[in-house]
Amino acid sequence: MTMSTKKIEINYLEYDSIDELPEEDKILIQSALNISENAYAPYSHFKVGAVVEFLNGERVLGSNQENMAYPSGLCAERVAVFSASSLRPRTPIKTIAIAARNEKGEIANASPCGACRQVLLEYESSLKHPIRVLFFNNNRKILSFNSVSDILPFHFEM
C-alpha cells in the first residue's frame, strides 16, 4: 500500500466590498441582506437571507426559520432552494447569494452549512447546471464560486 499526498485547489473571486461587485451581483447580495431581516431567529439571533436567481432572471427569496424544537428549523439557503424547486421544478438555478447579520446587526460570515451545501449540490447535479454561490466571509469580503462543488469537494453521491 502506498500513501501519497494530494492537493485540492479551488478557484474563486474575492471582492473587498459590495461596491466592487458587478451590478447584478450587488442587487443579489443586497437582496439577501434585506431578506435576512425577515428571518425568524429568536434563539441564535443570527439572521440569514438567501436569494436564488434562475437563468431567466426570476428570483426566489428565503430567510432562516428557527424553531424551539431544534432542529426543526431551516436555513435560509434551503428555504430559498426548496421554494424555488416547488415554484419552478426542473428549472436550473444560475446563482444563490447568501448574507447574514449577527445579533448586533453587523454583516457576518454567511458560508452555507454542510446540509445546505449538499442540498444545493444535489439540485445542481440533478439539473446538470452549475450554481454560482456568493457569500460573505469572516472579513466581510464577498466570495464568488462558480459551482457548489467548489465549496463541497468531497460530496455525498448515490
C-alpha atoms as a PDB file:
ATOM      1  CA  MET A   1       0.000   0.000   0.000  1.00  0.00           C
ATOM      2  CA  THR A   2       1.329   3.396  -0.976  1.00  0.00           C
ATOM      3  CA  MET A   3       0.324   6.618   0.632  1.00  0.00           C
ATOM      4  CA  SER A   4       0.518   9.841  -1.297  1.00  0.00           C
ATOM      5  CA  THR A   5      -0.232  13.453  -0.550  1.00  0.00           C
ATOM      6  CA  LYS A   6      -2.920  15.068  -2.662  1.00  0.00           C
ATOM      7  CA  LYS A   7      -3.855  18.698  -3.060  1.00  0.00           C
ATOM      8  CA  ILE A   8      -7.183  20.374  -3.726  1.00  0.00           C
ATOM      9  CA  GLU A   9      -7.178  23.741  -5.417  1.00  0.00           C
ATOM     10  CA  ILE A  10     -10.331  25.851  -5.556  1.00  0.00           C
ATOM     11  CA  ASN A  11     -10.552  28.967  -7.663  1.00  0.00           C
ATOM     12  CA  TYR A  12     -12.864  31.761  -6.595  1.00  0.00           C
ATOM     13  CA  LEU A  13     -13.193  35.502  -6.761  1.00  0.00           C
ATOM     14  CA  GLU A  14     -12.885  37.708  -3.680  1.00  0.00           C
ATOM     15  CA  TYR A  15     -14.351  41.207  -3.613  1.00  0.00           C
ATOM     16  CA  ASP A  16     -13.411  43.689  -0.891  1.00  0.00           C
ATOM     17  CA  SER A  17     -16.903  45.195  -0.762  1.00  0.00           C
ATOM     18  CA  ILE A  18     -20.350  45.199  -2.296  1.00  0.00           C
ATOM     19  CA  ASP A  19     -19.292  48.221  -4.344  1.00  0.00           C
ATOM     20  CA  GLU A  20     -16.751  46.108  -6.264  1.00  0.00           C
ATOM     21  CA  LEU A  21     -19.352  43.594  -7.428  1.00  0.00           C
ATOM     22  CA  PRO A  22     -20.888  43.651 -10.895  1.00  0.00           C
ATOM     23  CA  GLU A  23     -24.258  45.437 -10.735  1.00  0.00           C
ATOM     24  CA  GLU A  24     -26.310  42.223 -10.972  1.00  0.00           C
ATOM     25  CA  ASP A  25     -24.417  40.679  -8.045  1.00  0.00           C
ATOM     26  CA  LYS A  26     -24.751  43.869  -5.965  1.00  0.00           C
ATOM     27  CA  ILE A  27     -28.509  43.554  -6.318  1.00  0.00           C
ATOM     28  CA  LEU A  28     -28.455  39.866  -5.318  1.00  0.00           C
ATOM     29  CA  ILE A  29     -26.278  40.383  -2.231  1.00  0.00           C
ATOM     30  CA  GLN A  30     -28.256  43.455  -1.164  1.00  0.00           C
ATOM     31  CA  SER A  31     -31.492  41.477  -1.606  1.00  0.00           C
ATOM     32  CA  ALA A  32     -30.060  38.702   0.562  1.00  0.00           C
ATOM     33  CA  LEU A  33     -29.144  41.259   3.243  1.00  0.00           C
ATOM     34  CA  ASN A  34     -32.622  42.779   3.028  1.00  0.00           C
ATOM     35  CA  ILE A  35     -34.481  39.455   3.258  1.00  0.00           C
ATOM     36  CA  SER A  36     -32.334  38.452   6.253  1.00  0.00           C
ATOM     37  CA  GLU A  37     -34.438  40.943   8.224  1.00  0.00           C
ATOM     38  CA  ASN A  38     -37.405  38.565   7.719  1.00  0.00           C
ATOM     39  CA  ALA A  39     -35.582  35.737   9.481  1.00  0.00           C
ATOM     40  CA  TYR A  40     -37.208  34.149  12.497  1.00  0.00           C
ATOM     41  CA  ALA A  41     -34.138  33.772  14.714  1.00  0.00           C
ATOM     42  CA  PRO A  42     -35.203  34.263  18.358  1.00  0.00           C
ATOM     43  CA  TYR A  43     -32.655  31.707  19.626  1.00  0.00           C
ATOM     44  CA  SER A  44     -29.453  32.317  17.664  1.00  0.00           C
ATOM     45  CA  HIS A  45     -30.151  35.978  16.801  1.00  0.00           C
ATOM     46  CA  PHE A  46     -28.256  35.152  13.583  1.00  0.00           C
ATOM     47  CA  LYS A  47     -30.354  36.317  10.646  1.00  0.00           C
ATOM     48  CA  VAL A  48     -29.609  34.860   7.228  1.00  0.00           C
ATOM     49  CA  GLY A  49     -31.084  35.702   3.856  1.00  0.00           C
ATOM     50  CA  ALA A  50     -30.710  33.860   0.559  1.00  0.00           C
ATOM     51  CA  VAL A  51     -31.700  34.796  -2.965  1.00  0.00           C
ATOM     52  CA  VAL A  52     -31.950  32.191  -5.707  1.00  0.00           C
ATOM     53  CA  GLU A  53     -31.791  33.512  -9.253  1.00  0.00           C
ATOM     54  CA  PHE A  54     -32.944  31.370 -12.170  1.00  0.00           C
ATOM     55  CA  LEU A  55     -31.369  31.594 -15.623  1.00  0.00           C
ATOM     56  CA  ASN A  56     -34.294  33.779 -16.751  1.00  0.00           C
ATOM     57  CA  GLY A  57     -33.563  36.368 -14.020  1.00  0.00           C
ATOM     58  CA  GLU A  58     -36.558  35.446 -11.834  1.00  0.00           C
ATOM     59  CA  ARG A  59     -35.706  35.367  -8.130  1.00  0.00           C
ATOM     60  CA  VAL A  60     -36.912  33.472  -5.076  1.00  0.00           C
ATOM     61  CA  LEU A  61     -36.094  34.669  -1.560  1.00  0.00           C
ATOM     62  CA  GLY A  62     -35.599  32.787   1.686  1.00  0.00           C
ATOM     63  CA  SER A  63     -34.639  33.524   5.281  1.00  0.00           C
ATOM     64  CA  ASN A  64     -33.712  31.208   8.122  1.00  0.00           C
ATOM     65  CA  GLN A  65     -36.601  29.979  10.251  1.00  0.00           C
ATOM     66  CA  GLU A  66     -35.720  28.655  13.701  1.00  0.00           C
ATOM     67  CA  ASN A  67     -37.899  26.595  15.976  1.00  0.00           C
ATOM     68  CA  MET A  68     -37.820  25.784  19.669  1.00  0.00           C
ATOM     69  CA  ALA A  69     -37.936  22.097  18.703  1.00  0.00           C
ATOM     70  CA  TYR A  70     -34.391  22.163  17.302  1.00  0.00           C
ATOM     71  CA  PRO A  71     -33.507  21.021  14.601  1.00  0.00           C
ATOM     72  CA  SER A  72     -36.959  21.643  13.142  1.00  0.00           C
ATOM     73  CA  GLY A  73     -35.963  24.999  11.659  1.00  0.00           C
ATOM     74  CA  LEU A  74     -34.434  25.564   8.256  1.00  0.00           C
ATOM     75  CA  CYS A  75     -31.522  27.578   6.939  1.00  0.00           C
ATOM     76  CA  ALA A  76     -32.197  30.414   4.500  1.00  0.00           C
ATOM     77  CA  GLU A  77     -30.494  28.571   1.651  1.00  0.00           C
ATOM     78  CA  ARG A  78     -32.774  25.537   1.928  1.00  0.00           C
ATOM     79  CA  VAL A  79     -35.872  27.720   2.341  1.00  0.00           C
ATOM     80  CA  ALA A  80     -34.951  29.524  -0.895  1.00  0.00           C
ATOM     81  CA  VAL A  81     -33.959  26.404  -2.872  1.00  0.00           C
ATOM     82  CA  PHE A  82     -36.949  24.335  -1.756  1.00  0.00           C
ATOM     83  CA  SER A  83     -39.272  27.226  -2.607  1.00  0.00           C
ATOM     84  CA  ALA A  84     -37.566  27.639  -5.978  1.00  0.00           C
ATOM     85  CA  SER A  85     -37.884  23.943  -6.694  1.00  0.00           C
ATOM     86  CA  SER A  86     -41.576  23.870  -5.814  1.00  0.00           C
ATOM     87  CA  LEU A  87     -42.312  27.002  -7.871  1.00  0.00           C
ATOM     88  CA  ARG A  88     -40.165  26.134 -10.902  1.00  0.00           C
ATOM     89  CA  PRO A  89     -39.380  22.401 -10.857  1.00  0.00           C
ATOM     90  CA  ARG A  90     -36.625  21.331 -13.220  1.00  0.00           C
ATOM     91  CA  THR A  91     -35.609  24.962 -13.828  1.00  0.00           C
ATOM     92  CA  PRO A  92     -31.858  25.497 -13.390  1.00  0.00           C
ATOM     93  CA  ILE A  93     -30.635  27.968 -10.817  1.00  0.00           C
ATOM     94  CA  LYS A  94     -27.986  30.398 -12.041  1.00  0.00           C
ATOM     95  CA  THR A  95     -26.859  31.907  -8.708  1.00  0.00           C
ATOM     96  CA  ILE A  96     -27.547  31.819  -4.996  1.00  0.00           C
ATOM     97  CA  ALA A  97     -26.497  34.829  -2.902  1.00  0.00           C
ATOM     98  CA  ILE A  98     -26.318  34.486   0.878  1.00  0.00           C
ATOM     99  CA  ALA A  99     -25.931  37.188   3.511  1.00  0.00           C
ATOM    100  CA  ALA A 100     -26.134  37.205   7.291  1.00  0.00           C
ATOM    101  CA  ARG A 101     -26.288  39.622  10.186  1.00  0.00           C
ATOM    102  CA  ASN A 102     -25.225  38.865  13.741  1.00  0.00           C
ATOM    103  CA  GLU A 103     -27.187  39.896  16.832  1.00  0.00           C
ATOM    104  CA  LYS A 104     -25.659  43.390  16.612  1.00  0.00           C
ATOM    105  CA  GLY A 105     -26.957  43.724  13.044  1.00  0.00           C
ATOM    106  CA  GLU A 106     -23.455  43.616  11.571  1.00  0.00           C
ATOM    107  CA  ILE A 107     -22.676  41.700   8.385  1.00  0.00           C
ATOM    108  CA  ALA A 108     -21.391  38.243   9.326  1.00  0.00           C
ATOM    109  CA  ASN A 109     -19.869  35.181   7.686  1.00  0.00           C
ATOM    110  CA  ALA A 110     -22.569  33.508   5.597  1.00  0.00           C
ATOM    111  CA  SER A 111     -20.857  30.368   4.379  1.00  0.00           C
ATOM    112  CA  PRO A 112     -23.510  27.672   3.854  1.00  0.00           C
ATOM    113  CA  CYS A 113     -23.590  24.818   6.356  1.00  0.00           C
ATOM    114  CA  GLY A 114     -22.863  21.246   5.235  1.00  0.00           C
ATOM    115  CA  ALA A 115     -26.542  20.316   4.887  1.00  0.00           C
ATOM    116  CA  CYS A 116     -27.199  23.353   2.689  1.00  0.00           C
ATOM    117  CA  ARG A 117     -24.148  22.624   0.569  1.00  0.00           C
ATOM    118  CA  GLN A 118     -25.362  19.072  -0.012  1.00  0.00           C
ATOM    119  CA  VAL A 119     -28.899  20.228  -0.896  1.00  0.00           C
ATOM    120  CA  LEU A 120     -27.528  22.838  -3.308  1.00  0.00           C
ATOM    121  CA  LEU A 121     -25.155  20.334  -4.870  1.00  0.00           C
ATOM    122  CA  GLU A 122     -27.918  17.783  -5.405  1.00  0.00           C
ATOM    123  CA  TYR A 123     -30.055  20.424  -7.111  1.00  0.00           C
ATOM    124  CA  GLU A 124     -27.064  21.450  -9.241  1.00  0.00           C
ATOM    125  CA  SER A 125     -26.289  17.817 -10.153  1.00  0.00           C
ATOM    126  CA  SER A 126     -29.859  16.789 -10.905  1.00  0.00           C
ATOM    127  CA  LEU A 127     -30.331  19.698 -13.329  1.00  0.00           C
ATOM    128  CA  LYS A 128     -26.805  19.392 -14.744  1.00  0.00           C
ATOM    129  CA  HIS A 129     -26.152  23.097 -14.408  1.00  0.00           C
ATOM    130  CA  PRO A 130     -23.618  24.771 -12.068  1.00  0.00           C
ATOM    131  CA  ILE A 131     -24.980  27.108  -9.419  1.00  0.00           C
ATOM    132  CA  ARG A 132     -22.784  30.132  -8.736  1.00  0.00           C
ATOM    133  CA  VAL A 133     -22.506  30.860  -4.999  1.00  0.00           C
ATOM    134  CA  LEU A 134     -21.954  34.318  -3.461  1.00  0.00           C
ATOM    135  CA  PHE A 135     -21.468  34.904   0.269  1.00  0.00           C
ATOM    136  CA  PHE A 136     -19.605  36.988   2.836  1.00  0.00           C
ATOM    137  CA  ASN A 137     -16.566  35.562   4.620  1.00  0.00           C
ATOM    138  CA  ASN A 138     -15.316  36.400   8.124  1.00  0.00           C
ATOM    139  CA  ASN A 139     -13.585  39.541   6.833  1.00  0.00           C
ATOM    140  CA  ARG A 140     -16.817  40.860   5.281  1.00  0.00           C
ATOM    141  CA  LYS A 141     -15.371  40.268   1.846  1.00  0.00           C
ATOM    142  CA  ILE A 142     -17.620  38.657  -0.736  1.00  0.00           C
ATOM    143  CA  LEU A 143     -16.600  35.334  -2.223  1.00  0.00           C
ATOM    144  CA  SER A 144     -17.865  34.098  -5.593  1.00  0.00           C
ATOM    145  CA  PHE A 145     -17.658  30.418  -6.543  1.00  0.00           C
ATOM    146  CA  ASN A 146     -18.570  29.074  -9.989  1.00  0.00           C
ATOM    147  CA  SER A 147     -20.183  25.911  -8.652  1.00  0.00           C
ATOM    148  CA  VAL A 148     -21.463  24.402  -5.421  1.00  0.00           C
ATOM    149  CA  SER A 149     -18.980  21.553  -5.944  1.00  0.00           C
ATOM    150  CA  ASP A 150     -16.225  24.129  -5.340  1.00  0.00           C
ATOM    151  CA  ILE A 151     -17.379  24.526  -1.729  1.00  0.00           C
ATOM    152  CA  LEU A 152     -18.140  20.823  -1.207  1.00  0.00           C
ATOM    153  CA  PRO A 153     -15.361  18.909  -2.990  1.00  0.00           C
ATOM    154  CA  PHE A 154     -15.971  15.536  -1.304  1.00  0.00           C
ATOM    155  CA  HIS A 155     -19.731  15.468  -1.580  1.00  0.00           C
ATOM    156  CA  PHE A 156     -22.095  12.581  -0.992  1.00  0.00           C
ATOM    157  CA  GLU A 157     -23.339  10.764  -4.079  1.00  0.00           C
ATOM    158  CA  MET A 158     -25.505   7.696  -4.628  1.00  0.00           C
END
